[in-house]
């Protein structure tokens, strides 16, 4: 599995921790930046990561910032992306099981690093339920 990852300066530390966590699990991570905690503009990094998911170069994506809000907005501007803003295990699970989120957004300033790693694991291990949820996802894509 290939996972696209990107952050701005406010999400850089968690991006690096998540990248390490995923590679230790044997997953391939495509890092779209940023490469430091120096101030930068999140769309410059988040959009290419989301586009990689949309065009099939990555299977899914994780984007990070201070709150995760702006990052989720940018990712959701890319056709074919369903990015869920996650701040708990429940939002990660429902984002995948009900919305088939192919990207998640996490805010470094809103949760602990350990929670961020748990969210990533929960999202990756959750299956899309389909059924009535598939009909709704189809309407999003339509």
Protein backbone atom coordinates (compact mmCIF):
# COMPACT_ATOMS: atom_id res chain seq x y z
CA UNK A 1 0.00 0.00 0.00
CA UNK A 2 1.21 3.48 -0.92
CA UNK A 3 0.21 6.36 1.33
CA UNK A 4 0.63 10.00 0.31
CA UNK A 5 1.46 12.31 3.22
CA UNK A 6 1.81 16.08 3.44
CA UNK A 7 1.80 18.85 5.99
CA UNK A 8 2.51 22.48 6.56
CA UNK A 9 4.91 23.72 9.23
CA UNK A 10 2.30 23.27 11.99
CA UNK A 11 1.85 19.59 11.16
CA UNK A 12 5.46 18.76 10.32
CA UNK A 13 6.36 17.00 13.57
CA UNK A 14 3.37 14.65 13.42
CA UNK A 15 3.95 14.05 9.70
CA UNK A 16 7.42 12.79 10.47
CA UNK A 17 6.16 10.59 13.33
CA UNK A 18 3.37 9.12 11.19
CA UNK A 19 5.75 8.53 8.29
CA UNK A 20 8.11 6.59 10.60
CA UNK A 21 5.18 4.67 12.10
CA UNK A 22 3.91 3.62 8.67
CA UNK A 23 7.28 2.62 7.25
CA UNK A 24 7.91 0.48 10.35
CA UNK A 25 4.70 -1.35 9.44
CA UNK A 26 6.11 -2.02 5.97
CA UNK A 27 3.95 0.53 4.16
CA UNK A 28 5.30 2.78 1.41
CA UNK A 29 5.00 6.50 2.14
CA UNK A 30 5.14 9.19 -0.55
CA UNK A 31 6.12 12.41 1.23
CA UNK A 32 4.93 15.59 -0.48
CA UNK A 33 6.46 17.89 2.15
CA UNK A 34 6.97 20.21 3.85
CA UNK A 35 10.46 19.35 4.98
CA UNK A 36 10.75 21.57 8.07
CA UNK A 37 8.80 23.56 10.64
CA UNK A 38 9.54 26.82 8.80
CA UNK A 39 6.38 28.76 7.94
CA UNK A 40 4.84 27.73 4.61
CA UNK A 41 1.51 27.53 2.78
CA UNK A 42 -0.29 24.21 3.21
CA UNK A 43 -1.97 24.15 -0.24
CA UNK A 44 1.49 23.86 -1.84
CA UNK A 45 1.92 20.43 -0.22
CA UNK A 46 -1.59 19.14 0.43
CA UNK A 47 -2.91 19.53 -3.12
CA UNK A 48 -0.16 17.39 -4.72
CA UNK A 49 -0.69 14.68 -2.09
CA UNK A 50 -4.45 14.66 -2.73
CA UNK A 51 -3.87 14.61 -6.48
CA UNK A 52 -1.61 11.57 -6.06
CA UNK A 53 -4.50 9.74 -4.39
CA UNK A 54 -7.02 10.93 -6.99
CA UNK A 55 -4.87 9.81 -9.92
CA UNK A 56 -3.94 6.45 -8.39
CA UNK A 57 -0.27 7.10 -7.64
CA UNK A 58 -1.15 6.53 -3.97
CA UNK A 59 -3.84 4.34 -2.44
CA UNK A 60 -4.79 6.85 0.24
CA UNK A 61 -3.47 9.97 1.95
CA UNK A 62 -2.87 11.71 5.24
CA UNK A 63 -2.60 15.50 5.49
CA UNK A 64 -1.68 17.48 8.58
CA UNK A 65 -1.65 21.03 9.85
CA UNK A 66 -2.32 22.98 13.00
CA UNK A 67 -6.05 22.22 13.12
CA UNK A 68 -6.39 20.09 9.99
CA UNK A 69 -9.28 22.25 8.78
CA UNK A 70 -7.54 24.06 5.94
CA UNK A 71 -5.83 20.87 4.85
CA UNK A 72 -9.13 18.99 4.61
CA UNK A 73 -10.66 21.86 2.63
CA UNK A 74 -7.79 21.80 0.12
CA UNK A 75 -7.86 18.01 -0.23
CA UNK A 76 -11.63 18.01 -0.77
CA UNK A 77 -11.24 20.47 -3.67
CA UNK A 78 -9.57 17.66 -5.65
CA UNK A 79 -12.11 15.64 -7.64
CA UNK A 80 -12.40 12.11 -6.29
CA UNK A 81 -11.12 12.91 -2.81
CA UNK A 82 -13.18 12.33 0.31
CA UNK A 83 -11.11 13.77 3.13
CA UNK A 84 -12.32 13.34 6.70
CA UNK A 85 -11.09 15.63 9.46
CA UNK A 86 -10.24 13.25 12.32
CA UNK A 87 -9.71 14.10 15.97
CA UNK A 88 -10.80 10.82 17.60
CA UNK A 89 -10.93 7.11 16.93
CA UNK A 90 -14.64 7.44 16.26
CA UNK A 91 -14.21 10.14 13.59
CA UNK A 92 -11.52 8.01 11.90
CA UNK A 93 -13.67 4.88 11.98
CA UNK A 94 -16.82 6.62 10.73
CA UNK A 95 -14.86 8.53 8.10
CA UNK A 96 -13.90 5.21 6.53
CA UNK A 97 -16.86 2.97 7.37
CA UNK A 98 -19.58 5.46 6.36
CA UNK A 99 -17.86 7.87 3.96
CA UNK A 100 -15.10 5.72 2.48
CA UNK A 101 -12.63 8.53 3.18
CA UNK A 102 -9.55 8.06 1.02
CA UNK A 103 -7.70 10.88 2.80
CA UNK A 104 -7.73 11.95 6.43
CA UNK A 105 -6.69 15.27 7.93
CA UNK A 106 -5.23 15.63 11.41
CA UNK A 107 -4.51 18.76 13.46
CA UNK A 108 -1.24 18.66 15.40
CA UNK A 109 -2.43 21.42 17.73
CA UNK A 110 -5.64 19.58 18.63
CA UNK A 111 -4.62 16.07 19.73
CA UNK A 112 -1.66 14.18 21.16
CA UNK A 113 0.88 12.45 18.96
CA UNK A 114 -0.13 9.06 20.34
CA UNK A 115 -3.77 9.77 19.45
CA UNK A 116 -2.73 10.79 15.93
CA UNK A 117 -0.98 7.44 15.47
CA UNK A 118 -4.00 5.58 16.84
CA UNK A 119 -6.27 7.49 14.45
CA UNK A 120 -4.10 6.51 11.50
CA UNK A 121 -4.16 2.85 12.53
CA UNK A 122 -7.94 2.87 13.12
CA UNK A 123 -8.61 4.48 9.73
CA UNK A 124 -6.32 2.07 7.89
CA UNK A 125 -7.83 -0.99 9.56
CA UNK A 126 -11.47 0.00 9.07
CA UNK A 127 -13.45 -1.28 6.10
CA UNK A 128 -16.07 0.68 4.18
CA UNK A 129 -19.50 -0.72 5.07
CA UNK A 130 -21.08 -0.13 1.68
CA UNK A 131 -24.85 -0.64 1.59
CA UNK A 132 -26.77 2.56 2.27
CA UNK A 133 -23.44 4.36 2.67
CA UNK A 134 -22.38 3.41 -0.87
CA UNK A 135 -25.49 5.13 -2.25
CA UNK A 136 -24.52 8.30 -0.38
CA UNK A 137 -20.89 8.19 -1.47
CA UNK A 138 -22.10 7.74 -5.07
CA UNK A 139 -24.13 10.94 -4.69
CA UNK A 140 -21.00 12.78 -3.51
CA UNK A 141 -19.09 11.57 -6.55
CA UNK A 142 -22.00 12.36 -8.95
